[in-house]
Amino acid sequence: MIKSTIKSLLQADLISVWDSVTSLHDFSWRSDIISIEVFDEKHFKETSKDGYETSFTITVVEPLMKYSFLMDNENLSGEWTGYFNQTERGTEIQFTESVCLKKWWLYPFAKWYLKKHQKQYVSDLRLKLKLPISEDP
């Protein structure tokens, strides 16, 4: 299993951050996907700009605190968990992805890919929230 975590402080209120991350209908801010198909309150599918379809099953929704789901596509399966915390300086986020790869030749690139994908996601989220794109201290 390969695991990657990203932490960031967003100078935005917790509700705005939570609503942006958990919305399955407003995904226009995401630079990596072209569509989300919602099947019910726990199941949805994203299609990436590269044409990959990933199925998701939401496993935990603790409003304004924790959001978690299982994911599966032709290359990997795993879990994503997000933690949210309001502070005096904004909202702290911590997103962790743990994946098992289905193709052996992906292993040399997997950690790099996860980190790159997480950085892009946080960058997109900052744009959505109209925050400056910057590195965290």
C-alpha atoms as a PDB file:
ATOM      1  CA  MET A   1       0.000   0.000   0.000  1.00  0.00           C
ATOM      2  CA  ILE A   2       1.210   3.474  -0.858  1.00  0.00           C
ATOM      3  CA  LYS A   3       0.183   6.372   1.363  1.00  0.00           C
ATOM      4  CA  SER A   4       0.461  10.116   0.890  1.00  0.00           C
ATOM      5  CA  THR A   5      -0.735  12.976   3.107  1.00  0.00           C
ATOM      6  CA  ILE A   6      -1.008  16.683   2.413  1.00  0.00           C
ATOM      7  CA  LYS A   7      -1.703  19.331   5.046  1.00  0.00           C
ATOM      8  CA  SER A   8      -2.557  22.949   4.392  1.00  0.00           C
ATOM      9  CA  LEU A   9      -3.904  26.036   6.120  1.00  0.00           C
ATOM     10  CA  LEU A  10      -6.534  27.806   4.042  1.00  0.00           C
ATOM     11  CA  GLN A  11      -7.462  31.335   5.019  1.00  0.00           C
ATOM     12  CA  ALA A  12     -11.145  30.581   4.546  1.00  0.00           C
ATOM     13  CA  ASP A  13     -14.018  29.611   6.799  1.00  0.00           C
ATOM     14  CA  LEU A  14     -14.617  25.956   7.538  1.00  0.00           C
ATOM     15  CA  ILE A  15     -18.083  25.831   5.951  1.00  0.00           C
ATOM     16  CA  SER A  16     -16.812  27.130   2.599  1.00  0.00           C
ATOM     17  CA  VAL A  17     -13.942  24.634   2.563  1.00  0.00           C
ATOM     18  CA  TRP A  18     -16.181  21.726   3.607  1.00  0.00           C
ATOM     19  CA  ASP A  19     -18.873  22.595   1.064  1.00  0.00           C
ATOM     20  CA  SER A  20     -16.317  22.862  -1.751  1.00  0.00           C
ATOM     21  CA  VAL A  21     -14.630  19.536  -0.990  1.00  0.00           C
ATOM     22  CA  THR A  22     -17.789  17.520  -0.375  1.00  0.00           C
ATOM     23  CA  SER A  23     -19.988  18.866  -3.191  1.00  0.00           C
ATOM     24  CA  LEU A  24     -20.667  16.313  -5.902  1.00  0.00           C
ATOM     25  CA  HIS A  25     -22.390  18.892  -8.093  1.00  0.00           C
ATOM     26  CA  ASP A  26     -20.012  21.877  -8.155  1.00  0.00           C
ATOM     27  CA  PHE A  27     -16.822  20.385  -9.560  1.00  0.00           C
ATOM     28  CA  SER A  28     -16.021  23.039 -12.168  1.00  0.00           C
ATOM     29  CA  TRP A  29     -13.074  24.194 -10.040  1.00  0.00           C
ATOM     30  CA  ARG A  30     -11.376  20.802 -10.340  1.00  0.00           C
ATOM     31  CA  SER A  31      -8.771  20.860 -13.107  1.00  0.00           C
ATOM     32  CA  ASP A  32      -8.449  17.073 -13.217  1.00  0.00           C
ATOM     33  CA  ILE A  33     -12.007  15.924 -13.937  1.00  0.00           C
ATOM     34  CA  ILE A  34     -14.632  16.481 -16.599  1.00  0.00           C
ATOM     35  CA  SER A  35     -17.672  14.915 -14.958  1.00  0.00           C
ATOM     36  CA  ILE A  36     -19.182  13.424 -11.825  1.00  0.00           C
ATOM     37  CA  GLU A  37     -22.072  10.986 -12.038  1.00  0.00           C
ATOM     38  CA  VAL A  38     -23.976  10.596  -8.747  1.00  0.00           C
ATOM     39  CA  PHE A  39     -25.802   7.288  -8.248  1.00  0.00           C
ATOM     40  CA  ASP A  40     -27.099   7.792  -4.710  1.00  0.00           C
ATOM     41  CA  GLU A  41     -26.008   9.506  -1.494  1.00  0.00           C
ATOM     42  CA  LYS A  42     -23.005   7.183  -1.065  1.00  0.00           C
ATOM     43  CA  HIS A  43     -21.929   6.264  -4.609  1.00  0.00           C
ATOM     44  CA  PHE A  44     -20.547   8.353  -7.446  1.00  0.00           C
ATOM     45  CA  LYS A  45     -18.160   8.146 -10.372  1.00  0.00           C
ATOM     46  CA  GLU A  46     -15.639  10.714 -11.606  1.00  0.00           C
ATOM     47  CA  THR A  47     -14.254  10.841 -15.113  1.00  0.00           C
ATOM     48  CA  SER A  48     -10.812  12.388 -15.449  1.00  0.00           C
ATOM     49  CA  LYS A  49      -9.653  14.569 -18.312  1.00  0.00           C
ATOM     50  CA  ASP A  50      -7.578  11.548 -19.399  1.00  0.00           C
ATOM     51  CA  GLY A  51     -10.743   9.429 -19.635  1.00  0.00           C
ATOM     52  CA  TYR A  52     -10.195   7.320 -16.513  1.00  0.00           C
ATOM     53  CA  GLU A  53     -13.340   6.466 -14.590  1.00  0.00           C
ATOM     54  CA  THR A  54     -13.061   6.088 -10.831  1.00  0.00           C
ATOM     55  CA  SER A  55     -15.886   4.743  -8.668  1.00  0.00           C
ATOM     56  CA  PHE A  56     -16.316   6.058  -5.136  1.00  0.00           C
ATOM     57  CA  THR A  57     -18.196   4.862  -2.061  1.00  0.00           C
ATOM     58  CA  ILE A  58     -18.551   7.406   0.734  1.00  0.00           C
ATOM     59  CA  THR A  59     -17.846   5.704   4.065  1.00  0.00           C
ATOM     60  CA  VAL A  60     -17.695   8.544   6.611  1.00  0.00           C
ATOM     61  CA  VAL A  61     -19.392  11.929   6.764  1.00  0.00           C
ATOM     62  CA  GLU A  62     -18.836  13.752  10.037  1.00  0.00           C
ATOM     63  CA  PRO A  63     -20.016  17.238   9.036  1.00  0.00           C
ATOM     64  CA  LEU A  64     -17.283  19.894   9.163  1.00  0.00           C
ATOM     65  CA  MET A  65     -14.781  17.373  10.599  1.00  0.00           C
ATOM     66  CA  LYS A  66     -14.164  14.235   8.531  1.00  0.00           C
ATOM     67  CA  TYR A  67     -15.000  12.965   5.049  1.00  0.00           C
ATOM     68  CA  SER A  68     -13.846   9.598   3.764  1.00  0.00           C
ATOM     69  CA  PHE A  69     -14.462   7.330   0.806  1.00  0.00           C
ATOM     70  CA  LEU A  70     -13.237   4.217  -0.936  1.00  0.00           C
ATOM     71  CA  MET A  71     -12.112   4.512  -4.553  1.00  0.00           C
ATOM     72  CA  ASP A  72     -11.550   2.035  -7.343  1.00  0.00           C
ATOM     73  CA  ASN A  73     -10.496   2.205 -10.986  1.00  0.00           C
ATOM     74  CA  GLU A  74      -8.544   0.083 -13.462  1.00  0.00           C
ATOM     75  CA  ASN A  75      -5.195   1.133 -11.942  1.00  0.00           C
ATOM     76  CA  LEU A  76      -5.808   1.306  -8.195  1.00  0.00           C
ATOM     77  CA  SER A  77      -8.088   0.856  -5.240  1.00  0.00           C
ATOM     78  CA  GLY A  78      -7.854   2.598  -1.929  1.00  0.00           C
ATOM     79  CA  GLU A  79      -9.172   5.113   0.534  1.00  0.00           C
ATOM     80  CA  TRP A  80      -9.171   8.901   0.796  1.00  0.00           C
ATOM     81  CA  THR A  81      -9.773  10.667   4.110  1.00  0.00           C
ATOM     82  CA  GLY A  82     -10.038  14.367   4.735  1.00  0.00           C
ATOM     83  CA  TYR A  83      -9.913  16.081   8.131  1.00  0.00           C
ATOM     84  CA  PHE A  84     -11.084  19.676   8.597  1.00  0.00           C
ATOM     85  CA  ASN A  85     -10.415  21.988  11.545  1.00  0.00           C
ATOM     86  CA  GLN A  86     -11.356  25.649  12.028  1.00  0.00           C
ATOM     87  CA  THR A  87      -8.605  27.724  13.657  1.00  0.00           C
ATOM     88  CA  GLU A  88      -8.134  31.421  14.319  1.00  0.00           C
ATOM     89  CA  ARG A  89      -6.060  31.651  11.126  1.00  0.00           C
ATOM     90  CA  GLY A  90      -8.479  29.751   8.867  1.00  0.00           C
ATOM     91  CA  THR A  91      -9.221  26.124   8.111  1.00  0.00           C
ATOM     92  CA  GLU A  92      -6.634  23.406   8.494  1.00  0.00           C
ATOM     93  CA  ILE A  93      -7.052  20.507   6.102  1.00  0.00           C
ATOM     94  CA  GLN A  94      -5.337  17.144   6.080  1.00  0.00           C
ATOM     95  CA  PHE A  95      -5.999  14.797   3.178  1.00  0.00           C
ATOM     96  CA  THR A  96      -4.603  11.257   3.156  1.00  0.00           C
ATOM     97  CA  GLU A  97      -4.736   8.836   0.249  1.00  0.00           C
ATOM     98  CA  SER A  98      -3.838   5.165   0.689  1.00  0.00           C
ATOM     99  CA  VAL A  99      -3.819   3.068  -2.473  1.00  0.00           C
ATOM    100  CA  CYS A 100      -3.057  -0.436  -3.679  1.00  0.00           C
ATOM    101  CA  LEU A 101      -1.928  -0.588  -7.273  1.00  0.00           C
ATOM    102  CA  LYS A 102      -3.308  -3.106  -9.745  1.00  0.00           C
ATOM    103  CA  LYS A 103      -0.377  -2.939 -12.181  1.00  0.00           C
ATOM    104  CA  TRP A 104       3.169  -3.641 -11.006  1.00  0.00           C
ATOM    105  CA  TRP A 105       4.772  -1.180 -13.415  1.00  0.00           C
ATOM    106  CA  LEU A 106       2.962   1.745 -11.751  1.00  0.00           C
ATOM    107  CA  TYR A 107       4.856   1.351  -8.461  1.00  0.00           C
ATOM    108  CA  PRO A 108       7.907   3.477  -9.400  1.00  0.00           C
ATOM    109  CA  PHE A 109       5.634   6.447 -10.189  1.00  0.00           C
ATOM    110  CA  ALA A 110       2.878   6.030  -7.608  1.00  0.00           C
ATOM    111  CA  LYS A 111       4.194   8.130  -4.700  1.00  0.00           C
ATOM    112  CA  TRP A 112       5.175  10.952  -7.085  1.00  0.00           C
ATOM    113  CA  TYR A 113       1.750  10.797  -8.779  1.00  0.00           C
ATOM    114  CA  LEU A 114      -0.173  10.901  -5.488  1.00  0.00           C
ATOM    115  CA  LYS A 115       1.823  13.888  -4.210  1.00  0.00           C
ATOM    116  CA  LYS A 116       1.417  15.733  -7.530  1.00  0.00           C
ATOM    117  CA  HIS A 117      -2.318  15.031  -7.591  1.00  0.00           C
ATOM    118  CA  GLN A 118      -2.744  16.200  -3.978  1.00  0.00           C
ATOM    119  CA  LYS A 119      -0.827  19.441  -4.604  1.00  0.00           C
ATOM    120  CA  GLN A 120      -2.951  20.153  -7.682  1.00  0.00           C
ATOM    121  CA  TYR A 121      -6.147  19.462  -5.743  1.00  0.00           C
ATOM    122  CA  VAL A 122      -5.186  21.918  -2.967  1.00  0.00           C
ATOM    123  CA  SER A 123      -4.108  24.475  -5.586  1.00  0.00           C
ATOM    124  CA  ASP A 124      -7.477  24.114  -7.343  1.00  0.00           C
ATOM    125  CA  LEU A 125      -9.246  24.426  -3.984  1.00  0.00           C
ATOM    126  CA  ARG A 126      -7.361  27.647  -3.244  1.00  0.00           C
ATOM    127  CA  LEU A 127      -8.491  29.053  -6.605  1.00  0.00           C
ATOM    128  CA  LYS A 128     -12.087  28.017  -5.891  1.00  0.00           C
ATOM    129  CA  LEU A 129     -11.945  29.823  -2.545  1.00  0.00           C
ATOM    130  CA  LYS A 130     -10.263  32.855  -4.160  1.00  0.00           C
ATOM    131  CA  LEU A 131      -7.114  32.429  -2.066  1.00  0.00           C
ATOM    132  CA  PRO A 132      -3.557  33.094  -3.209  1.00  0.00           C
ATOM    133  CA  ILE A 133      -1.711  30.071  -4.532  1.00  0.00           C
ATOM    134  CA  SER A 134       1.146  29.693  -2.107  1.00  0.00           C
ATOM    135  CA  GLU A 135       3.160  27.122  -0.250  1.00  0.00           C
ATOM    136  CA  ASP A 136       2.290  26.545   3.379  1.00  0.00           C
ATOM    137  CA  PRO A 137       4.837  27.589   5.992  1.00  0.00           C
END
